[in-house]
């Protein structure tokens, strides 16, 4: 509680090329995202994907009837023409993802090990240090979904670590 006032509302940015009234809206926590979209001009016909968060770290929403929560900062509506990933090509070992990583990790190694379910290797390479910024996927000239595989590996490694801790107790 700040200023003796509980968190019951927050500012959420809603944007998209086809929205008629994009902007920042002060909404109550728990309000459905679909109501926020309606306030911004309604669901455009050409909407292909709805993202909660930013364009790099955000996560796609499968349902807009979910509530606004305290960590929700923005909603982006992408048109169909921009909602598909380009075709993935083989890694050319250019190391652009390594250069872009602010945590000095090797994203191509982490993603490849996660794809092959080599979770012990990903753990030893520091996959839990990844802050999931998406820079690696953004700079990859082969359009590889590096962040997706890193998130999968990180989730699995964290689950394995929790299970180890429970066994030790």
N, C-alpha and C. Protein backbone atom coordinates (compact mmCIF):
# COMPACT_ATOMS: atom_id res chain seq x y z
N UNK A 1 0.84 -1.18 0.00
CA UNK A 1 0.00 0.00 0.00
C UNK A 1 0.88 1.24 0.00
N UNK A 2 0.58 2.10 -0.93
CA UNK A 2 1.32 3.36 -1.01
C UNK A 2 0.34 4.49 -0.71
N UNK A 3 0.77 5.40 0.12
CA UNK A 3 -0.08 6.52 0.52
C UNK A 3 -1.38 6.04 1.14
N UNK A 4 -1.31 4.91 1.88
CA UNK A 4 -2.47 4.32 2.55
C UNK A 4 -3.61 4.01 1.58
N UNK A 5 -3.25 3.67 0.36
CA UNK A 5 -4.25 3.36 -0.67
C UNK A 5 -3.86 2.03 -1.31
N UNK A 6 -4.72 1.03 -1.30
CA UNK A 6 -4.37 -0.25 -1.92
C UNK A 6 -4.34 -0.14 -3.44
N UNK A 7 -3.62 -1.07 -4.06
CA UNK A 7 -3.54 -1.09 -5.52
C UNK A 7 -4.84 -1.68 -6.07
N UNK A 8 -5.68 -0.85 -6.61
CA UNK A 8 -6.92 -1.32 -7.20
C UNK A 8 -7.10 -0.85 -8.63
N UNK A 9 -6.16 -0.03 -9.10
CA UNK A 9 -6.21 0.41 -10.49
C UNK A 9 -4.79 0.66 -10.97
N UNK A 10 -4.61 0.65 -12.29
CA UNK A 10 -3.30 0.91 -12.89
C UNK A 10 -3.48 1.44 -14.30
N UNK A 11 -2.42 2.05 -14.81
CA UNK A 11 -2.44 2.56 -16.18
C UNK A 11 -1.97 1.44 -17.10
N UNK A 12 -2.76 1.16 -18.13
CA UNK A 12 -2.42 0.14 -19.12
C UNK A 12 -2.43 0.81 -20.49
N UNK A 13 -1.36 0.60 -21.24
CA UNK A 13 -1.27 1.12 -22.60
C UNK A 13 -1.86 0.11 -23.55
N UNK A 14 -2.72 0.55 -24.45
CA UNK A 14 -3.25 -0.33 -25.48
C UNK A 14 -2.98 0.33 -26.83
N UNK A 15 -2.38 -0.47 -27.72
CA UNK A 15 -1.98 0.09 -29.00
C UNK A 15 -2.09 -0.95 -30.10
N UNK A 16 -2.04 -0.49 -31.32
CA UNK A 16 -2.12 -1.33 -32.50
C UNK A 16 -2.43 -0.46 -33.71
N UNK A 17 -1.94 -0.87 -34.86
CA UNK A 17 -2.11 -0.05 -36.07
C UNK A 17 -3.57 0.15 -36.44
N UNK A 18 -4.41 -0.83 -36.17
CA UNK A 18 -5.80 -0.75 -36.60
C UNK A 18 -6.75 -0.22 -35.53
N UNK A 19 -6.24 0.07 -34.34
CA UNK A 19 -7.11 0.59 -33.28
C UNK A 19 -7.48 2.04 -33.58
N UNK A 20 -8.73 2.40 -33.35
CA UNK A 20 -9.17 3.76 -33.64
C UNK A 20 -8.85 4.73 -32.50
N UNK A 21 -8.68 4.22 -31.27
CA UNK A 21 -8.45 5.10 -30.13
C UNK A 21 -7.38 4.53 -29.19
N UNK A 22 -6.13 4.29 -29.68
CA UNK A 22 -5.10 3.74 -28.80
C UNK A 22 -4.69 4.78 -27.76
N UNK A 23 -4.16 4.31 -26.65
CA UNK A 23 -3.71 5.25 -25.62
C UNK A 23 -3.45 4.57 -24.30
N UNK A 24 -3.28 5.40 -23.28
CA UNK A 24 -3.06 4.93 -21.92
C UNK A 24 -4.38 5.06 -21.16
N UNK A 25 -4.78 3.99 -20.52
CA UNK A 25 -6.06 3.96 -19.82
C UNK A 25 -5.86 3.60 -18.36
N UNK A 26 -6.51 4.33 -17.47
CA UNK A 26 -6.51 4.00 -16.05
C UNK A 26 -7.66 3.02 -15.84
N UNK A 27 -7.32 1.77 -15.52
CA UNK A 27 -8.34 0.72 -15.38
C UNK A 27 -8.24 0.05 -14.02
N UNK A 28 -9.34 -0.50 -13.60
CA UNK A 28 -9.36 -1.23 -12.33
C UNK A 28 -8.76 -2.61 -12.50
N UNK A 29 -8.01 -3.04 -11.51
CA UNK A 29 -7.47 -4.39 -11.49
C UNK A 29 -8.66 -5.35 -11.54
N UNK A 30 -8.59 -6.33 -12.40
CA UNK A 30 -9.67 -7.30 -12.52
C UNK A 30 -10.59 -7.05 -13.70
N UNK A 31 -10.47 -5.87 -14.32
CA UNK A 31 -11.29 -5.59 -15.50
C UNK A 31 -10.86 -6.50 -16.64
N UNK A 32 -11.80 -7.03 -17.41
CA UNK A 32 -11.41 -7.89 -18.53
C UNK A 32 -10.67 -7.11 -19.62
N UNK A 33 -9.69 -7.73 -20.23
CA UNK A 33 -8.92 -7.11 -21.31
C UNK A 33 -9.84 -6.76 -22.47
N UNK A 34 -10.86 -7.59 -22.72
CA UNK A 34 -11.79 -7.31 -23.83
C UNK A 34 -12.50 -5.97 -23.64
N UNK A 35 -12.79 -5.59 -22.39
CA UNK A 35 -13.43 -4.29 -22.14
C UNK A 35 -12.46 -3.14 -22.43
N UNK A 36 -11.19 -3.37 -22.15
CA UNK A 36 -10.17 -2.37 -22.45
C UNK A 36 -10.04 -2.18 -23.96
N UNK A 37 -10.10 -3.29 -24.69
CA UNK A 37 -10.04 -3.22 -26.16
C UNK A 37 -11.26 -2.47 -26.70
N UNK A 38 -12.42 -2.71 -26.13
CA UNK A 38 -13.63 -2.00 -26.55
C UNK A 38 -13.49 -0.50 -26.30
N UNK A 39 -12.88 -0.12 -25.17
CA UNK A 39 -12.70 1.30 -24.86
C UNK A 39 -11.73 1.96 -25.84
N UNK A 40 -10.84 1.17 -26.42
CA UNK A 40 -9.86 1.70 -27.38
C UNK A 40 -10.38 1.68 -28.80
N UNK A 41 -11.64 1.41 -28.99
CA UNK A 41 -12.23 1.46 -30.33
C UNK A 41 -12.74 0.13 -30.83
N UNK A 42 -12.65 -0.91 -30.03
CA UNK A 42 -13.17 -2.21 -30.44
C UNK A 42 -12.13 -3.06 -31.13
N UNK A 43 -12.44 -4.33 -31.20
CA UNK A 43 -11.54 -5.33 -31.80
C UNK A 43 -11.53 -5.15 -33.31
N UNK A 44 -10.39 -4.71 -33.90
CA UNK A 44 -10.33 -4.54 -35.36
C UNK A 44 -10.51 -5.88 -36.07
N UNK A 45 -11.09 -5.86 -37.25
CA UNK A 45 -11.34 -7.09 -38.01
C UNK A 45 -10.06 -7.79 -38.44
N UNK A 46 -8.99 -7.03 -38.62
CA UNK A 46 -7.75 -7.64 -39.11
C UNK A 46 -6.79 -8.08 -37.99
N UNK A 47 -7.28 -8.20 -36.76
CA UNK A 47 -6.42 -8.60 -35.64
C UNK A 47 -5.98 -10.04 -35.79
N UNK A 48 -4.67 -10.24 -35.77
CA UNK A 48 -4.12 -11.59 -35.88
C UNK A 48 -3.59 -12.11 -34.56
N UNK A 49 -3.11 -11.20 -33.71
CA UNK A 49 -2.52 -11.62 -32.44
C UNK A 49 -2.68 -10.50 -31.43
N UNK A 50 -2.97 -10.88 -30.18
CA UNK A 50 -3.05 -9.94 -29.07
C UNK A 50 -1.93 -10.30 -28.10
N UNK A 51 -1.06 -9.33 -27.80
CA UNK A 51 0.10 -9.55 -26.94
C UNK A 51 -0.07 -8.76 -25.65
N UNK A 52 0.20 -9.41 -24.52
CA UNK A 52 0.24 -8.74 -23.23
C UNK A 52 1.70 -8.48 -22.90
N UNK A 53 2.05 -7.22 -22.73
CA UNK A 53 3.44 -6.85 -22.50
C UNK A 53 3.98 -6.18 -23.75
N UNK A 54 5.30 -6.16 -23.87
CA UNK A 54 5.93 -5.51 -25.01
C UNK A 54 6.06 -6.42 -26.20
N UNK A 55 6.50 -5.87 -27.33
CA UNK A 55 6.62 -6.68 -28.55
C UNK A 55 7.72 -7.73 -28.49
N UNK A 56 8.73 -7.54 -27.61
CA UNK A 56 9.82 -8.51 -27.53
C UNK A 56 9.63 -9.51 -26.39
N UNK A 57 9.21 -9.04 -25.24
CA UNK A 57 9.08 -9.93 -24.08
C UNK A 57 7.64 -10.33 -23.80
N UNK A 58 6.69 -9.74 -24.49
CA UNK A 58 5.29 -10.01 -24.24
C UNK A 58 4.88 -11.43 -24.59
N UNK A 59 3.73 -11.81 -24.09
CA UNK A 59 3.20 -13.14 -24.34
C UNK A 59 1.84 -13.03 -25.02
N UNK A 60 1.62 -13.90 -25.99
CA UNK A 60 0.36 -13.89 -26.73
C UNK A 60 -0.79 -14.31 -25.83
N UNK A 61 -1.91 -13.63 -25.99
CA UNK A 61 -3.12 -13.98 -25.24
C UNK A 61 -4.03 -14.81 -26.14
N UNK A 62 -4.47 -15.94 -25.64
CA UNK A 62 -5.39 -16.78 -26.40
C UNK A 62 -6.83 -16.36 -26.18
N UNK A 63 -7.06 -15.65 -25.07
CA UNK A 63 -8.42 -15.25 -24.71
C UNK A 63 -8.35 -13.84 -24.13
N UNK A 64 -9.18 -12.94 -24.61
CA UNK A 64 -9.17 -11.57 -24.10
C UNK A 64 -10.13 -11.38 -22.92
N UNK A 65 -10.72 -12.46 -22.44
CA UNK A 65 -11.59 -12.36 -21.27
C UNK A 65 -10.80 -12.47 -19.96
N UNK A 66 -9.48 -12.47 -20.04
CA UNK A 66 -8.68 -12.53 -18.82
C UNK A 66 -8.67 -11.17 -18.14
N UNK A 67 -8.46 -11.13 -16.82
CA UNK A 67 -8.48 -9.84 -16.12
C UNK A 67 -7.15 -9.09 -16.22
N UNK A 68 -7.23 -7.79 -16.08
CA UNK A 68 -6.04 -6.95 -15.94
C UNK A 68 -5.47 -7.23 -14.55
N UNK A 69 -4.17 -7.50 -14.49
CA UNK A 69 -3.51 -7.78 -13.21
C UNK A 69 -2.48 -6.69 -12.94
N UNK A 70 -1.91 -6.69 -11.74
CA UNK A 70 -1.03 -5.59 -11.36
C UNK A 70 0.23 -5.48 -12.21
N UNK A 71 0.67 -6.58 -12.81
CA UNK A 71 1.88 -6.56 -13.64
C UNK A 71 1.63 -6.29 -15.10
N UNK A 72 0.40 -6.08 -15.49
CA UNK A 72 0.07 -5.87 -16.90
C UNK A 72 0.28 -4.40 -17.25
N UNK A 73 1.21 -4.15 -18.16
CA UNK A 73 1.52 -2.77 -18.50
C UNK A 73 0.99 -2.34 -19.86
N UNK A 74 0.80 -3.31 -20.74
CA UNK A 74 0.35 -2.94 -22.07
C UNK A 74 -0.26 -4.08 -22.84
N UNK A 75 -1.07 -3.73 -23.81
CA UNK A 75 -1.72 -4.69 -24.71
C UNK A 75 -1.46 -4.20 -26.13
N UNK A 76 -0.96 -5.10 -26.98
CA UNK A 76 -0.69 -4.74 -28.38
C UNK A 76 -1.53 -5.65 -29.27
N UNK A 77 -2.24 -5.05 -30.22
CA UNK A 77 -3.01 -5.81 -31.20
C UNK A 77 -2.27 -5.75 -32.54
N UNK A 78 -1.78 -6.89 -33.01
CA UNK A 78 -1.07 -6.97 -34.27
C UNK A 78 -2.03 -7.39 -35.37
N UNK A 79 -1.94 -6.77 -36.55
CA UNK A 79 -2.76 -7.22 -37.67
C UNK A 79 -2.27 -8.58 -38.17
N UNK A 80 -3.11 -9.29 -38.90
CA UNK A 80 -2.78 -10.62 -39.41
C UNK A 80 -1.48 -10.59 -40.20
N UNK A 81 -1.26 -9.54 -40.98
CA UNK A 81 -0.06 -9.46 -41.81
C UNK A 81 1.23 -9.42 -41.01
N UNK A 82 1.17 -9.01 -39.75
CA UNK A 82 2.36 -8.92 -38.91
C UNK A 82 2.40 -9.96 -37.80
N UNK A 83 1.45 -10.86 -37.78
CA UNK A 83 1.35 -11.78 -36.65
C UNK A 83 1.99 -13.14 -36.88
N UNK A 84 2.59 -13.34 -38.04
CA UNK A 84 3.24 -14.62 -38.31
C UNK A 84 4.75 -14.44 -38.31
N UNK A 85 5.42 -15.46 -37.82
CA UNK A 85 6.88 -15.44 -37.83
C UNK A 85 7.39 -15.79 -39.22
N UNK A 86 8.53 -15.20 -39.58
CA UNK A 86 9.14 -15.62 -40.84
C UNK A 86 9.63 -17.06 -40.73
N UNK A 87 9.85 -17.68 -41.85
CA UNK A 87 10.30 -19.08 -41.85
C UNK A 87 11.67 -19.20 -41.18
N UNK A 88 11.79 -20.21 -40.32
CA UNK A 88 13.04 -20.45 -39.60
C UNK A 88 14.04 -21.15 -40.50
N UNK A 89 15.27 -20.71 -40.44
CA UNK A 89 16.35 -21.30 -41.21
C UNK A 89 17.39 -21.88 -40.26
N UNK A 90 18.29 -22.71 -40.75
CA UNK A 90 19.33 -23.27 -39.89
C UNK A 90 20.25 -22.18 -39.33
N UNK A 91 20.76 -22.41 -38.14
CA UNK A 91 21.69 -21.47 -37.51
C UNK A 91 22.97 -21.39 -38.34
N UNK A 92 23.42 -20.17 -38.61
CA UNK A 92 24.63 -19.99 -39.41
C UNK A 92 25.84 -19.68 -38.51
N UNK A 93 25.66 -19.79 -37.20
CA UNK A 93 26.74 -19.58 -36.23
C UNK A 93 27.38 -18.19 -36.36
N UNK A 94 26.55 -17.18 -36.55
CA UNK A 94 27.06 -15.82 -36.72
C UNK A 94 27.39 -15.15 -35.38
N UNK A 95 26.82 -15.68 -34.29
CA UNK A 95 27.04 -15.18 -32.92
C UNK A 95 26.41 -13.80 -32.67
N UNK A 96 25.49 -13.36 -33.51
CA UNK A 96 24.82 -12.09 -33.24
C UNK A 96 24.00 -12.18 -31.95
N UNK A 97 23.44 -13.36 -31.68
CA UNK A 97 22.66 -13.54 -30.46
C UNK A 97 23.55 -13.44 -29.21
N UNK A 98 24.77 -13.93 -29.32
CA UNK A 98 25.71 -13.87 -28.19
C UNK A 98 26.08 -12.41 -27.93
N UNK A 99 26.33 -11.66 -28.98
CA UNK A 99 26.68 -10.25 -28.85
C UNK A 99 25.52 -9.44 -28.27
N UNK A 100 24.31 -9.79 -28.65
CA UNK A 100 23.13 -9.03 -28.20
C UNK A 100 22.71 -9.37 -26.77
N UNK A 101 23.14 -10.50 -26.24
CA UNK A 101 22.69 -10.94 -24.92
C UNK A 101 23.27 -10.06 -23.81
N UNK A 102 22.42 -9.35 -23.06
CA UNK A 102 22.92 -8.49 -21.99
C UNK A 102 23.45 -9.28 -20.78
N UNK A 103 23.15 -10.57 -20.72
CA UNK A 103 23.60 -11.40 -19.60
C UNK A 103 24.84 -12.22 -19.95
N UNK A 104 25.42 -11.97 -21.13
CA UNK A 104 26.62 -12.67 -21.60
C UNK A 104 26.43 -14.18 -21.65
N UNK A 105 25.26 -14.61 -22.10
CA UNK A 105 24.98 -16.04 -22.27
C UNK A 105 25.19 -16.40 -23.74
N UNK A 106 25.06 -17.68 -24.04
CA UNK A 106 25.14 -18.15 -25.42
C UNK A 106 23.76 -18.68 -25.82
N UNK A 107 22.88 -17.81 -26.29
CA UNK A 107 21.51 -18.20 -26.59
C UNK A 107 21.37 -19.36 -27.56
N UNK A 108 22.21 -19.43 -28.60
CA UNK A 108 22.09 -20.52 -29.57
C UNK A 108 22.40 -21.85 -28.91
N UNK A 109 23.35 -21.88 -27.97
CA UNK A 109 23.69 -23.11 -27.25
C UNK A 109 22.55 -23.51 -26.32
N UNK A 110 22.02 -22.54 -25.58
CA UNK A 110 20.91 -22.82 -24.66
C UNK A 110 19.68 -23.32 -25.40
N UNK A 111 19.36 -22.70 -26.52
CA UNK A 111 18.19 -23.11 -27.31
C UNK A 111 18.39 -24.50 -27.89
N UNK A 112 19.57 -24.78 -28.42
CA UNK A 112 19.83 -26.10 -29.00
C UNK A 112 19.78 -27.20 -27.94
N UNK A 113 20.34 -26.94 -26.77
CA UNK A 113 20.30 -27.92 -25.69
C UNK A 113 18.87 -28.12 -25.18
N UNK A 114 18.09 -27.06 -25.13
CA UNK A 114 16.68 -27.18 -24.72
C UNK A 114 15.88 -27.98 -25.73
N UNK A 115 16.14 -27.77 -27.02
CA UNK A 115 15.44 -28.53 -28.07
C UNK A 115 15.73 -30.02 -27.93
N UNK A 116 16.93 -30.36 -27.51
CA UNK A 116 17.34 -31.77 -27.38
C UNK A 116 17.09 -32.31 -25.98
N UNK A 117 16.39 -31.55 -25.14
CA UNK A 117 16.06 -31.94 -23.75
C UNK A 117 17.30 -32.24 -22.92
N UNK A 118 18.38 -31.49 -23.16
CA UNK A 118 19.62 -31.62 -22.39
C UNK A 118 19.59 -30.56 -21.28
N UNK A 119 18.68 -30.76 -20.32
CA UNK A 119 18.42 -29.73 -19.32
C UNK A 119 19.55 -29.58 -18.31
N UNK A 120 20.29 -30.63 -18.02
CA UNK A 120 21.43 -30.51 -17.13
C UNK A 120 22.48 -29.58 -17.75
N UNK A 121 22.66 -29.71 -19.06
CA UNK A 121 23.61 -28.85 -19.77
C UNK A 121 23.16 -27.41 -19.73
N UNK A 122 21.87 -27.17 -19.98
CA UNK A 122 21.38 -25.80 -19.96
C UNK A 122 21.53 -25.19 -18.57
N UNK A 123 21.34 -26.01 -17.54
CA UNK A 123 21.49 -25.50 -16.18
C UNK A 123 22.95 -25.11 -15.92
N UNK A 124 23.89 -25.94 -16.35
CA UNK A 124 25.31 -25.64 -16.14
C UNK A 124 25.76 -24.44 -16.97
N UNK A 125 25.08 -24.17 -18.08
CA UNK A 125 25.41 -23.02 -18.93
C UNK A 125 24.73 -21.74 -18.46
N UNK A 126 23.92 -21.82 -17.40
CA UNK A 126 23.33 -20.62 -16.80
C UNK A 126 22.02 -20.17 -17.39
N UNK A 127 21.18 -21.11 -17.82
CA UNK A 127 19.90 -20.73 -18.43
C UNK A 127 19.00 -19.94 -17.48
N UNK A 128 19.15 -20.17 -16.18
CA UNK A 128 18.30 -19.44 -15.23
C UNK A 128 18.72 -17.97 -15.09
N UNK A 129 19.89 -17.62 -15.62
CA UNK A 129 20.32 -16.22 -15.60
C UNK A 129 19.66 -15.40 -16.70
N UNK A 130 19.05 -16.08 -17.68
CA UNK A 130 18.39 -15.38 -18.79
C UNK A 130 17.24 -14.53 -18.27
N UNK A 131 17.21 -13.27 -18.67
CA UNK A 131 16.12 -12.39 -18.23
C UNK A 131 15.00 -12.30 -19.26
N UNK A 132 15.09 -13.12 -20.31
CA UNK A 132 14.04 -13.25 -21.32
C UNK A 132 13.71 -11.92 -22.01
N UNK A 133 14.76 -11.17 -22.37
CA UNK A 133 14.55 -9.88 -23.01
C UNK A 133 14.16 -10.01 -24.48
N UNK A 134 14.53 -11.13 -25.11
CA UNK A 134 14.19 -11.35 -26.51
C UNK A 134 15.17 -10.77 -27.50
N UNK A 135 16.26 -10.17 -27.04
CA UNK A 135 17.24 -9.58 -27.94
C UNK A 135 17.84 -10.61 -28.89
N UNK A 136 18.06 -11.83 -28.38
CA UNK A 136 18.67 -12.88 -29.20
C UNK A 136 17.78 -13.23 -30.39
N UNK A 137 16.51 -13.42 -30.14
CA UNK A 137 15.58 -13.75 -31.24
C UNK A 137 15.44 -12.59 -32.21
N UNK A 138 15.48 -11.38 -31.69
CA UNK A 138 15.31 -10.20 -32.52
C UNK A 138 16.44 -10.03 -33.53
N UNK A 139 17.68 -10.30 -33.11
CA UNK A 139 18.83 -10.07 -34.00
C UNK A 139 19.17 -11.28 -34.87
N UNK A 140 18.57 -12.42 -34.63
CA UNK A 140 18.93 -13.64 -35.35
C UNK A 140 18.56 -13.52 -36.83
N UNK A 141 19.55 -13.58 -37.74
CA UNK A 141 19.25 -13.49 -39.17
C UNK A 141 18.57 -14.74 -39.71
N UNK A 142 18.62 -15.84 -38.96
CA UNK A 142 17.98 -17.08 -39.40
C UNK A 142 16.56 -17.21 -38.85
N UNK A 143 16.08 -16.18 -38.14
CA UNK A 143 14.71 -16.15 -37.59
C UNK A 143 14.44 -17.32 -36.65
N UNK A 144 15.44 -17.75 -35.89
CA UNK A 144 15.27 -18.87 -34.98
C UNK A 144 14.51 -18.41 -33.74
N UNK A 145 13.57 -19.20 -33.24
CA UNK A 145 12.81 -18.84 -32.03
C UNK A 145 13.61 -19.14 -30.76
N UNK A 146 14.75 -18.50 -30.61
CA UNK A 146 15.66 -18.79 -29.50
C UNK A 146 14.99 -18.59 -28.15
N UNK A 147 14.28 -17.48 -27.99
CA UNK A 147 13.66 -17.19 -26.70
C UNK A 147 12.63 -18.25 -26.32
N UNK A 148 11.88 -18.75 -27.27
CA UNK A 148 10.88 -19.78 -26.97
C UNK A 148 11.53 -21.03 -26.38
N UNK A 149 12.61 -21.48 -26.99
CA UNK A 149 13.30 -22.66 -26.48
C UNK A 149 13.99 -22.38 -25.15
N UNK A 150 14.51 -21.17 -24.98
CA UNK A 150 15.15 -20.82 -23.71
C UNK A 150 14.11 -20.77 -22.60
N UNK A 151 12.94 -20.21 -22.87
CA UNK A 151 11.88 -20.20 -21.85
C UNK A 151 11.47 -21.62 -21.45
N UNK A 152 11.35 -22.49 -22.44
CA UNK A 152 11.00 -23.89 -22.16
C UNK A 152 12.08 -24.54 -21.30
N UNK A 153 13.33 -24.36 -21.67
CA UNK A 153 14.43 -24.94 -20.90
C UNK A 153 14.51 -24.36 -19.50
N UNK A 154 14.34 -23.06 -19.38
CA UNK A 154 14.40 -22.40 -18.08
C UNK A 154 13.30 -22.89 -17.16
N UNK A 155 12.10 -23.02 -17.69
CA UNK A 155 10.98 -23.53 -16.90
C UNK A 155 11.26 -24.94 -16.40
N UNK A 156 11.80 -25.79 -17.27
CA UNK A 156 12.10 -27.17 -16.90
C UNK A 156 13.22 -27.24 -15.87
N UNK A 157 14.25 -26.43 -16.04
CA UNK A 157 15.38 -26.42 -15.09
C UNK A 157 14.91 -25.93 -13.72
N UNK A 158 14.09 -24.90 -13.68
CA UNK A 158 13.57 -24.41 -12.40
C UNK A 158 12.70 -25.46 -11.72
N UNK A 159 11.91 -26.19 -12.50
CA UNK A 159 11.09 -27.27 -11.95
C UNK A 159 11.99 -28.37 -11.37
N UNK A 160 13.05 -28.73 -12.09
CA UNK A 160 13.99 -29.75 -11.61
C UNK A 160 14.66 -29.29 -10.32
N UNK A 161 15.02 -28.03 -10.22
CA UNK A 161 15.67 -27.49 -9.02
C UNK A 161 14.71 -27.53 -7.83
N UNK A 162 13.44 -27.20 -8.06
CA UNK A 162 12.45 -27.27 -6.97
C UNK A 162 12.29 -28.70 -6.47
N UNK A 163 12.24 -29.65 -7.41
CA UNK A 163 12.11 -31.06 -7.02
C UNK A 163 13.33 -31.53 -6.24
N UNK A 164 14.52 -31.09 -6.62
CA UNK A 164 15.74 -31.43 -5.88
C UNK A 164 15.69 -30.90 -4.47
N UNK A 165 15.23 -29.65 -4.34
CA UNK A 165 15.14 -29.02 -3.02
C UNK A 165 14.13 -29.74 -2.14
N UNK A 166 13.03 -30.20 -2.72
CA UNK A 166 12.03 -30.93 -1.93
C UNK A 166 12.57 -32.27 -1.45
N UNK A 167 13.38 -32.95 -2.29
CA UNK A 167 13.97 -34.22 -1.90
C UNK A 167 14.99 -34.05 -0.78
N UNK A 168 15.68 -32.92 -0.75
CA UNK A 168 16.69 -32.67 0.27
C UNK A 168 16.07 -32.34 1.61
N UNK A 169 14.84 -31.89 1.61
CA UNK A 169 14.20 -31.49 2.89
C UNK A 169 13.66 -32.64 3.63
